[in-house]
Amino acid sequence: MDRSLGVMGTLCLLNASRCGRVHCRFTGPFFILGALASLGYGLGFLPFGPFGWKWICAVTVIGGIALTCIPELILGRYRRNGPDAP
């Protein structure tokens, strides 16, 4: 799970820098933190208890949905930075 979250987070950050999609600026770091939490739990560094994988999965799904929808409702769908920004 940590590898897929890391890939998703990296691609979200690349997409945010390329097209300026608002939710990618939030979901990218969130998925990377999820990958680190998953790795830490898998290696035994984080004591999430016997239901750790279920907690990580639930937080990832709920957080991913919330961070995809809420920022775009508030800030709009796209933000551009740079010299070609309107």
PDB file of N, CA and C in Angstrom:
ATOM      1  N   MET A   1       0.821  -1.182   0.000  1.00  0.00           N
ATOM      2  CA  MET A   1       0.000   0.000   0.000  1.00  0.00           C
ATOM      3  C   MET A   1       0.869   1.252   0.000  1.00  0.00           C
ATOM      4  N   ASP A   2       2.018   1.202   0.668  1.00  0.00           N
ATOM      5  CA  ASP A   2       2.846   2.400   0.749  1.00  0.00           C
ATOM      6  C   ASP A   2       3.378   2.820  -0.620  1.00  0.00           C
ATOM      7  N   ARG A   3       3.686   1.854  -1.469  1.00  0.00           N
ATOM      8  CA  ARG A   3       4.201   2.191  -2.791  1.00  0.00           C
ATOM      9  C   ARG A   3       3.136   2.880  -3.633  1.00  0.00           C
ATOM     10  N   SER A   4       1.920   2.356  -3.611  1.00  0.00           N
ATOM     11  CA  SER A   4       0.869   2.965  -4.430  1.00  0.00           C
ATOM     12  C   SER A   4       0.504   4.360  -3.924  1.00  0.00           C
ATOM     13  N   LEU A   5       0.483   4.558  -2.606  1.00  0.00           N
ATOM     14  CA  LEU A   5       0.205   5.895  -2.079  1.00  0.00           C
ATOM     15  C   LEU A   5       1.326   6.867  -2.443  1.00  0.00           C
ATOM     16  N   GLY A   6       2.554   6.391  -2.409  1.00  0.00           N
ATOM     17  CA  GLY A   6       3.684   7.244  -2.801  1.00  0.00           C
ATOM     18  C   GLY A   6       3.609   7.653  -4.265  1.00  0.00           C
ATOM     19  N   VAL A   7       3.244   6.716  -5.120  1.00  0.00           N
ATOM     20  CA  VAL A   7       3.097   7.017  -6.549  1.00  0.00           C
ATOM     21  C   VAL A   7       1.951   7.994  -6.760  1.00  0.00           C
ATOM     22  N   MET A   8       0.813   7.744  -6.107  1.00  0.00           N
ATOM     23  CA  MET A   8      -0.333   8.648  -6.254  1.00  0.00           C
ATOM     24  C   MET A   8       0.023  10.053  -5.768  1.00  0.00           C
ATOM     25  N   GLY A   9       0.708  10.156  -4.627  1.00  0.00           N
ATOM     26  CA  GLY A   9       1.094  11.464  -4.103  1.00  0.00           C
ATOM     27  C   GLY A   9       2.036  12.197  -5.028  1.00  0.00           C
ATOM     28  N   THR A  10       3.023  11.482  -5.563  1.00  0.00           N
ATOM     29  CA  THR A  10       3.980  12.098  -6.482  1.00  0.00           C
ATOM     30  C   THR A  10       3.288  12.578  -7.754  1.00  0.00           C
ATOM     31  N   LEU A  11       2.418  11.745  -8.301  1.00  0.00           N
ATOM     32  CA  LEU A  11       1.708  12.147  -9.524  1.00  0.00           C
ATOM     33  C   LEU A  11       0.759  13.312  -9.277  1.00  0.00           C
ATOM     34  N   CYS A  12       0.133  13.353  -8.103  1.00  0.00           N
ATOM     35  CA  CYS A  12      -0.722  14.496  -7.779  1.00  0.00           C
ATOM     36  C   CYS A  12       0.090  15.788  -7.720  1.00  0.00           C
ATOM     37  N   LEU A  13       1.260  15.741  -7.092  1.00  0.00           N
ATOM     38  CA  LEU A  13       2.092  16.944  -7.015  1.00  0.00           C
ATOM     39  C   LEU A  13       2.585  17.369  -8.395  1.00  0.00           C
ATOM     40  N   LEU A  14       2.948  16.403  -9.235  1.00  0.00           N
ATOM     41  CA  LEU A  14       3.354  16.746 -10.599  1.00  0.00           C
ATOM     42  C   LEU A  14       2.191  17.347 -11.376  1.00  0.00           C
ATOM     43  N   ASN A  15       1.012  16.795 -11.210  1.00  0.00           N
ATOM     44  CA  ASN A  15      -0.163  17.325 -11.893  1.00  0.00           C
ATOM     45  C   ASN A  15      -0.514  18.726 -11.391  1.00  0.00           C
ATOM     46  N   ALA A  16      -0.357  18.953 -10.098  1.00  0.00           N
ATOM     47  CA  ALA A  16      -0.636  20.289  -9.553  1.00  0.00           C
ATOM     48  C   ALA A  16       0.306  21.329 -10.151  1.00  0.00           C
ATOM     49  N   SER A  17       1.568  20.953 -10.323  1.00  0.00           N
ATOM     50  CA  SER A  17       2.512  21.917 -10.894  1.00  0.00           C
ATOM     51  C   SER A  17       2.309  22.096 -12.397  1.00  0.00           C
ATOM     52  N   ARG A  18       1.771  21.062 -13.059  1.00  0.00           N
ATOM     53  CA  ARG A  18       1.588  21.132 -14.505  1.00  0.00           C
ATOM     54  C   ARG A  18       0.323  21.878 -14.890  1.00  0.00           C
ATOM     55  N   CYS A  19      -0.805  21.500 -14.288  1.00  0.00           N
ATOM     56  CA  CYS A  19      -2.070  22.081 -14.738  1.00  0.00           C
ATOM     57  C   CYS A  19      -2.732  22.978 -13.701  1.00  0.00           C
ATOM     58  N   GLY A  20      -2.251  22.966 -12.458  1.00  0.00           N
ATOM     59  CA  GLY A  20      -2.802  23.842 -11.434  1.00  0.00           C
ATOM     60  C   GLY A  20      -4.080  23.357 -10.792  1.00  0.00           C
ATOM     61  N   ARG A  21      -4.369  22.080 -10.867  1.00  0.00           N
ATOM     62  CA  ARG A  21      -5.587  21.545 -10.253  1.00  0.00           C
ATOM     63  C   ARG A  21      -5.486  21.692  -8.738  1.00  0.00           C
ATOM     64  N   VAL A  22      -6.495  22.294  -8.138  1.00  0.00           N
ATOM     65  CA  VAL A  22      -6.460  22.654  -6.717  1.00  0.00           C
ATOM     66  C   VAL A  22      -6.363  21.432  -5.824  1.00  0.00           C
ATOM     67  N   HIS A  23      -7.181  20.415  -6.052  1.00  0.00           N
ATOM     68  CA  HIS A  23      -7.185  19.294  -5.117  1.00  0.00           C
ATOM     69  C   HIS A  23      -5.856  18.544  -5.111  1.00  0.00           C
ATOM     70  N   CYS A  24      -5.106  18.595  -6.200  1.00  0.00           N
ATOM     71  CA  CYS A  24      -3.821  17.896  -6.251  1.00  0.00           C
ATOM     72  C   CYS A  24      -2.814  18.505  -5.276  1.00  0.00           C
ATOM     73  N   ARG A  25      -2.966  19.780  -4.981  1.00  0.00           N
ATOM     74  CA  ARG A  25      -2.064  20.416  -4.009  1.00  0.00           C
ATOM     75  C   ARG A  25      -2.321  19.916  -2.597  1.00  0.00           C
ATOM     76  N   PHE A  26      -3.489  19.392  -2.352  1.00  0.00           N
ATOM     77  CA  PHE A  26      -3.836  18.856  -1.034  1.00  0.00           C
ATOM     78  C   PHE A  26      -3.665  17.339  -0.979  1.00  0.00           C
ATOM     79  N   THR A  27      -4.105  16.650  -2.026  1.00  0.00           N
ATOM     80  CA  THR A  27      -4.039  15.191  -2.003  1.00  0.00           C
ATOM     81  C   THR A  27      -2.621  14.672  -2.171  1.00  0.00           C
ATOM     82  N   GLY A  28      -1.772  15.390  -2.894  1.00  0.00           N
ATOM     83  CA  GLY A  28      -0.384  14.950  -3.079  1.00  0.00           C
ATOM     84  C   GLY A  28       0.350  14.754  -1.762  1.00  0.00           C
ATOM     85  N   PRO A  29       0.463  15.797  -0.951  1.00  0.00           N
ATOM     86  CA  PRO A  29       1.129  15.616   0.348  1.00  0.00           C
ATOM     87  C   PRO A  29       0.399  14.628   1.266  1.00  0.00           C
ATOM     88  N   PHE A  30      -0.936  14.608   1.201  1.00  0.00           N
ATOM     89  CA  PHE A  30      -1.709  13.683   2.019  1.00  0.00           C
ATOM     90  C   PHE A  30      -1.375  12.239   1.673  1.00  0.00           C
ATOM     91  N   PHE A  31      -1.303  11.907   0.392  1.00  0.00           N
ATOM     92  CA  PHE A  31      -0.987  10.539  -0.005  1.00  0.00           C
ATOM     93  C   PHE A  31       0.461  10.175   0.333  1.00  0.00           C
ATOM     94  N   ILE A  32       1.359  11.124   0.235  1.00  0.00           N
ATOM     95  CA  ILE A  32       2.749  10.844   0.608  1.00  0.00           C
ATOM     96  C   ILE A  32       2.846  10.588   2.109  1.00  0.00           C
ATOM     97  N   LEU A  33       2.132  11.363   2.921  1.00  0.00           N
ATOM     98  CA  LEU A  33       2.097  11.087   4.364  1.00  0.00           C
ATOM     99  C   LEU A  33       1.456   9.731   4.650  1.00  0.00           C
ATOM    100  N   GLY A  34       0.437   9.380   3.882  1.00  0.00           N
ATOM    101  CA  GLY A  34      -0.180   8.062   4.019  1.00  0.00           C
ATOM    102  C   GLY A  34       0.799   6.945   3.682  1.00  0.00           C
ATOM    103  N   ALA A  35       1.625   7.170   2.662  1.00  0.00           N
ATOM    104  CA  ALA A  35       2.641   6.179   2.311  1.00  0.00           C
ATOM    105  C   ALA A  35       3.652   6.016   3.436  1.00  0.00           C
ATOM    106  N   LEU A  36       4.055   7.124   4.041  1.00  0.00           N
ATOM    107  CA  LEU A  36       5.000   7.051   5.161  1.00  0.00           C
ATOM    108  C   LEU A  36       4.383   6.359   6.369  1.00  0.00           C
ATOM    109  N   ALA A  37       3.102   6.645   6.640  1.00  0.00           N
ATOM    110  CA  ALA A  37       2.413   5.975   7.751  1.00  0.00           C
ATOM    111  C   ALA A  37       2.284   4.485   7.475  1.00  0.00           C
ATOM    112  N   SER A  38       1.964   4.123   6.251  1.00  0.00           N
ATOM    113  CA  SER A  38       1.841   2.718   5.881  1.00  0.00           C
ATOM    114  C   SER A  38       3.180   2.001   6.006  1.00  0.00           C
ATOM    115  N   LEU A  39       4.229   2.637   5.536  1.00  0.00           N
ATOM    116  CA  LEU A  39       5.566   2.059   5.646  1.00  0.00           C
ATOM    117  C   LEU A  39       5.983   1.914   7.104  1.00  0.00           C
ATOM    118  N   GLY A  40       5.733   2.960   7.886  1.00  0.00           N
ATOM    119  CA  GLY A  40       6.087   2.916   9.304  1.00  0.00           C
ATOM    120  C   GLY A  40       5.338   1.834  10.059  1.00  0.00           C
ATOM    121  N   TYR A  41       4.065   1.662   9.765  1.00  0.00           N
ATOM    122  CA  TYR A  41       3.284   0.613  10.421  1.00  0.00           C
ATOM    123  C   TYR A  41       3.732  -0.774   9.959  1.00  0.00           C
ATOM    124  N   GLY A  42       3.984  -0.903   8.670  1.00  0.00           N
ATOM    125  CA  GLY A  42       4.427  -2.185   8.132  1.00  0.00           C
ATOM    126  C   GLY A  42       5.765  -2.629   8.691  1.00  0.00           C
ATOM    127  N   LEU A  43       6.647  -1.671   8.969  1.00  0.00           N
ATOM    128  CA  LEU A  43       7.956  -1.994   9.541  1.00  0.00           C
ATOM    129  C   LEU A  43       7.929  -2.088  11.063  1.00  0.00           C
ATOM    130  N   GLY A  44       6.783  -1.785  11.659  1.00  0.00           N
ATOM    131  CA  GLY A  44       6.648  -1.896  13.103  1.00  0.00           C
ATOM    132  C   GLY A  44       7.050  -0.660  13.894  1.00  0.00           C
ATOM    133  N   PHE A  45       7.261   0.463  13.215  1.00  0.00           N
ATOM    134  CA  PHE A  45       7.653   1.696  13.901  1.00  0.00           C
ATOM    135  C   PHE A  45       6.464   2.457  14.481  1.00  0.00           C
ATOM    136  N   LEU A  46       5.291   2.312  13.878  1.00  0.00           N
ATOM    137  CA  LEU A  46       4.100   3.026  14.342  1.00  0.00           C
ATOM    138  C   LEU A  46       3.128   2.040  14.989  1.00  0.00           C
ATOM    139  N   PRO A  47       2.751   2.291  16.240  1.00  0.00           N
ATOM    140  CA  PRO A  47       1.890   1.354  16.967  1.00  0.00           C
ATOM    141  C   PRO A  47       0.404   1.662  16.773  1.00  0.00           C
ATOM    142  N   PHE A  48      -0.143   1.296  15.629  1.00  0.00           N
ATOM    143  CA  PHE A  48      -1.560   1.535  15.364  1.00  0.00           C
ATOM    144  C   PHE A  48      -2.447   0.403  15.860  1.00  0.00           C
ATOM    145  N   GLY A  49      -1.868  -0.596  16.482  1.00  0.00           N
ATOM    146  CA  GLY A  49      -2.646  -1.696  17.035  1.00  0.00           C
ATOM    147  C   GLY A  49      -2.999  -2.744  15.995  1.00  0.00           C
ATOM    148  N   PRO A  50      -3.837  -3.706  16.390  1.00  0.00           N
ATOM    149  CA  PRO A  50      -4.154  -4.820  15.491  1.00  0.00           C
ATOM    150  C   PRO A  50      -5.015  -4.417  14.287  1.00  0.00           C
ATOM    151  N   PHE A  51      -5.653  -3.278  14.354  1.00  0.00           N
ATOM    152  CA  PHE A  51      -6.493  -2.815  13.243  1.00  0.00           C
ATOM    153  C   PHE A  51      -5.839  -1.669  12.479  1.00  0.00           C
ATOM    154  N   GLY A  52      -4.524  -1.599  12.528  1.00  0.00           N
ATOM    155  CA  GLY A  52      -3.793  -0.510  11.887  1.00  0.00           C
ATOM    156  C   GLY A  52      -4.043  -0.377  10.412  1.00  0.00           C
ATOM    157  N   TRP A  53      -4.086  -1.507   9.687  1.00  0.00           N
ATOM    158  CA  TRP A  53      -4.315  -1.440   8.241  1.00  0.00           C
ATOM    159  C   TRP A  53      -5.709  -0.921   7.933  1.00  0.00           C
ATOM    160  N   LYS A  54      -6.674  -1.297   8.747  1.00  0.00           N
ATOM    161  CA  LYS A  54      -8.039  -0.793   8.536  1.00  0.00           C
ATOM    162  C   LYS A  54      -8.105   0.702   8.803  1.00  0.00           C
ATOM    163  N   TRP A  55      -7.401   1.186   9.828  1.00  0.00           N
ATOM    164  CA  TRP A  55      -7.363   2.624  10.114  1.00  0.00           C
ATOM    165  C   TRP A  55      -6.683   3.387   8.977  1.00  0.00           C
ATOM    166  N   ILE A  56      -5.566   2.873   8.520  1.00  0.00           N
ATOM    167  CA  ILE A  56      -4.847   3.542   7.429  1.00  0.00           C
ATOM    168  C   ILE A  56      -5.721   3.592   6.179  1.00  0.00           C
ATOM    169  N   CYS A  57      -6.384   2.499   5.868  1.00  0.00           N
ATOM    170  CA  CYS A  57      -7.266   2.451   4.695  1.00  0.00           C
ATOM    171  C   CYS A  57      -8.434   3.425   4.836  1.00  0.00           C
ATOM    172  N   ALA A  58      -9.076   3.426   5.995  1.00  0.00           N
ATOM    173  CA  ALA A  58     -10.232   4.306   6.208  1.00  0.00           C
ATOM    174  C   ALA A  58      -9.832   5.775   6.128  1.00  0.00           C
ATOM    175  N   VAL A  59      -8.738   6.131   6.765  1.00  0.00           N
ATOM    176  CA  VAL A  59      -8.279   7.527   6.732  1.00  0.00           C
ATOM    177  C   VAL A  59      -7.896   7.922   5.308  1.00  0.00           C
ATOM    178  N   THR A  60      -7.270   7.014   4.577  1.00  0.00           N
ATOM    179  CA  THR A  60      -6.870   7.310   3.204  1.00  0.00           C
ATOM    180  C   THR A  60      -8.093   7.534   2.310  1.00  0.00           C
ATOM    181  N   VAL A  61      -9.087   6.667   2.399  1.00  0.00           N
ATOM    182  CA  VAL A  61     -10.273   6.799   1.551  1.00  0.00           C
ATOM    183  C   VAL A  61     -11.067   8.050   1.919  1.00  0.00           C
ATOM    184  N   ILE A  62     -11.365   8.227   3.201  1.00  0.00           N
ATOM    185  CA  ILE A  62     -12.165   9.381   3.626  1.00  0.00           C
ATOM    186  C   ILE A  62     -11.407  10.689   3.387  1.00  0.00           C
ATOM    187  N   GLY A  63     -10.122  10.707   3.746  1.00  0.00           N
ATOM    188  CA  GLY A  63      -9.320  11.911   3.528  1.00  0.00           C
ATOM    189  C   GLY A  63      -9.148  12.237   2.057  1.00  0.00           C
ATOM    190  N   GLY A  64      -8.947  11.205   1.233  1.00  0.00           N
ATOM    191  CA  GLY A  64      -8.801  11.438  -0.205  1.00  0.00           C
ATOM    192  C   GLY A  64     -10.052  12.030  -0.821  1.00  0.00           C
ATOM    193  N   ILE A  65     -11.202  11.505  -0.421  1.00  0.00           N
ATOM    194  CA  ILE A  65     -12.468  12.046  -0.933  1.00  0.00           C
ATOM    195  C   ILE A  65     -12.676  13.485  -0.451  1.00  0.00           C
ATOM    196  N   ALA A  66     -12.455  13.707   0.832  1.00  0.00           N
ATOM    197  CA  ALA A  66     -12.654  15.055   1.387  1.00  0.00           C
ATOM    198  C   ALA A  66     -11.692  16.065   0.763  1.00  0.00           C
ATOM    199  N   LEU A  67     -10.418  15.678   0.609  1.00  0.00           N
ATOM    200  CA  LEU A  67      -9.432  16.605   0.051  1.00  0.00           C
ATOM    201  C   LEU A  67      -9.575  16.784  -1.452  1.00  0.00           C
ATOM    202  N   THR A  68     -10.340  15.939  -2.090  1.00  0.00           N
ATOM    203  CA  THR A  68     -10.624  16.134  -3.505  1.00  0.00           C
ATOM    204  C   THR A  68     -11.797  17.090  -3.693  1.00  0.00           C
ATOM    205  N   CYS A  69     -12.805  16.966  -2.871  1.00  0.00           N
ATOM    206  CA  CYS A  69     -14.038  17.740  -3.054  1.00  0.00           C
ATOM    207  C   CYS A  69     -14.018  19.108  -2.375  1.00  0.00           C
ATOM    208  N   ILE A  70     -13.672  19.159  -1.112  1.00  0.00           N
ATOM    209  CA  ILE A  70     -13.808  20.390  -0.323  1.00  0.00           C
ATOM    210  C   ILE A  70     -12.941  21.538  -0.834  1.00  0.00           C
ATOM    211  N   PRO A  71     -11.633  21.346  -1.099  1.00  0.00           N
ATOM    212  CA  PRO A  71     -10.845  22.487  -1.594  1.00  0.00           C
ATOM    213  C   PRO A  71     -11.369  23.072  -2.903  1.00  0.00           C
ATOM    214  N   GLU A  72     -11.862  22.216  -3.790  1.00  0.00           N
ATOM    215  CA  GLU A  72     -12.367  22.735  -5.064  1.00  0.00           C
ATOM    216  C   GLU A  72     -13.703  23.432  -4.904  1.00  0.00           C
ATOM    217  N   LEU A  73     -14.493  23.048  -3.922  1.00  0.00           N
ATOM    218  CA  LEU A  73     -15.732  23.785  -3.641  1.00  0.00           C
ATOM    219  C   LEU A  73     -15.424  25.188  -3.135  1.00  0.00           C
ATOM    220  N   ILE A  74     -14.376  25.308  -2.340  1.00  0.00           N
ATOM    221  CA  ILE A  74     -14.030  26.594  -1.737  1.00  0.00           C
ATOM    222  C   ILE A  74     -13.177  27.455  -2.670  1.00  0.00           C
ATOM    223  N   LEU A  75     -12.161  26.857  -3.282  1.00  0.00           N
ATOM    224  CA  LEU A  75     -11.176  27.620  -4.041  1.00  0.00           C
ATOM    225  C   LEU A  75     -11.360  27.578  -5.557  1.00  0.00           C
ATOM    226  N   GLY A  76     -12.269  26.749  -6.031  1.00  0.00           N
ATOM    227  CA  GLY A  76     -12.425  26.578  -7.471  1.00  0.00           C
ATOM    228  C   GLY A  76     -11.603  25.401  -7.952  1.00  0.00           C
ATOM    229  N   ARG A  77     -11.719  25.092  -9.212  1.00  0.00           N
ATOM    230  CA  ARG A  77     -11.074  23.892  -9.743  1.00  0.00           C
ATOM    231  C   ARG A  77      -9.598  24.096 -10.078  1.00  0.00           C
ATOM    232  N   TYR A  78      -9.223  25.243 -10.615  1.00  0.00           N
ATOM    233  CA  TYR A  78      -7.847  25.459 -11.055  1.00  0.00           C
ATOM    234  C   TYR A  78      -7.263  26.722 -10.440  1.00  0.00           C
ATOM    235  N   ARG A  79      -5.986  26.675 -10.140  1.00  0.00           N
ATOM    236  CA  ARG A  79      -5.192  27.839  -9.727  1.00  0.00           C
ATOM    237  C   ARG A  79      -3.903  27.765 -10.523  1.00  0.00           C
ATOM    238  N   ARG A  80      -3.515  28.865 -11.033  1.00  0.00           N
ATOM    239  CA  ARG A  80      -2.249  28.898 -11.791  1.00  0.00           C
ATOM    240  C   ARG A  80      -1.281  29.839 -11.105  1.00  0.00           C
ATOM    241  N   ASN A  81      -0.027  29.427 -11.087  1.00  0.00           N
ATOM    242  CA  ASN A  81       1.061  30.267 -10.608  1.00  0.00           C
ATOM    243  C   ASN A  81       2.024  30.441 -11.763  1.00  0.00           C
ATOM    244  N   GLY A  82       2.677  31.573 -11.797  1.00  0.00           N
ATOM    245  CA  GLY A  82       3.681  31.762 -12.823  1.00  0.00           C
ATOM    246  C   GLY A  82       3.361  32.928 -13.732  1.00  0.00           C
ATOM    247  N   PRO A  83       4.237  33.151 -14.707  1.00  0.00           N
ATOM    248  CA  PRO A  83       4.100  34.315 -15.579  1.00  0.00           C
ATOM    249  C   PRO A  83       2.907  34.255 -16.523  1.00  0.00           C
ATOM    250  N   ASP A  84       2.420  33.056 -16.844  1.00  0.00           N
ATOM    251  CA  ASP A  84       1.279  32.961 -17.764  1.00  0.00           C
ATOM    252  C   ASP A  84      -0.046  32.885 -17.032  1.00  0.00           C
ATOM    253  N   ALA A  85      -0.038  33.096 -15.722  1.00  0.00           N
ATOM    254  CA  ALA A  85      -1.277  33.028 -14.929  1.00  0.00           C
ATOM    255  C   ALA A  85      -2.147  34.244 -15.235  1.00  0.00           C
ATOM    256  N   PRO A  86      -3.457  34.053 -15.289  1.00  0.00           N
ATOM    257  CA  PRO A  86      -4.356  35.173 -15.564  1.00  0.00           C
ATOM    258  C   PRO A  86      -4.454  36.128 -14.394  1.00  0.00           C
TER     259      PRO A  86
END
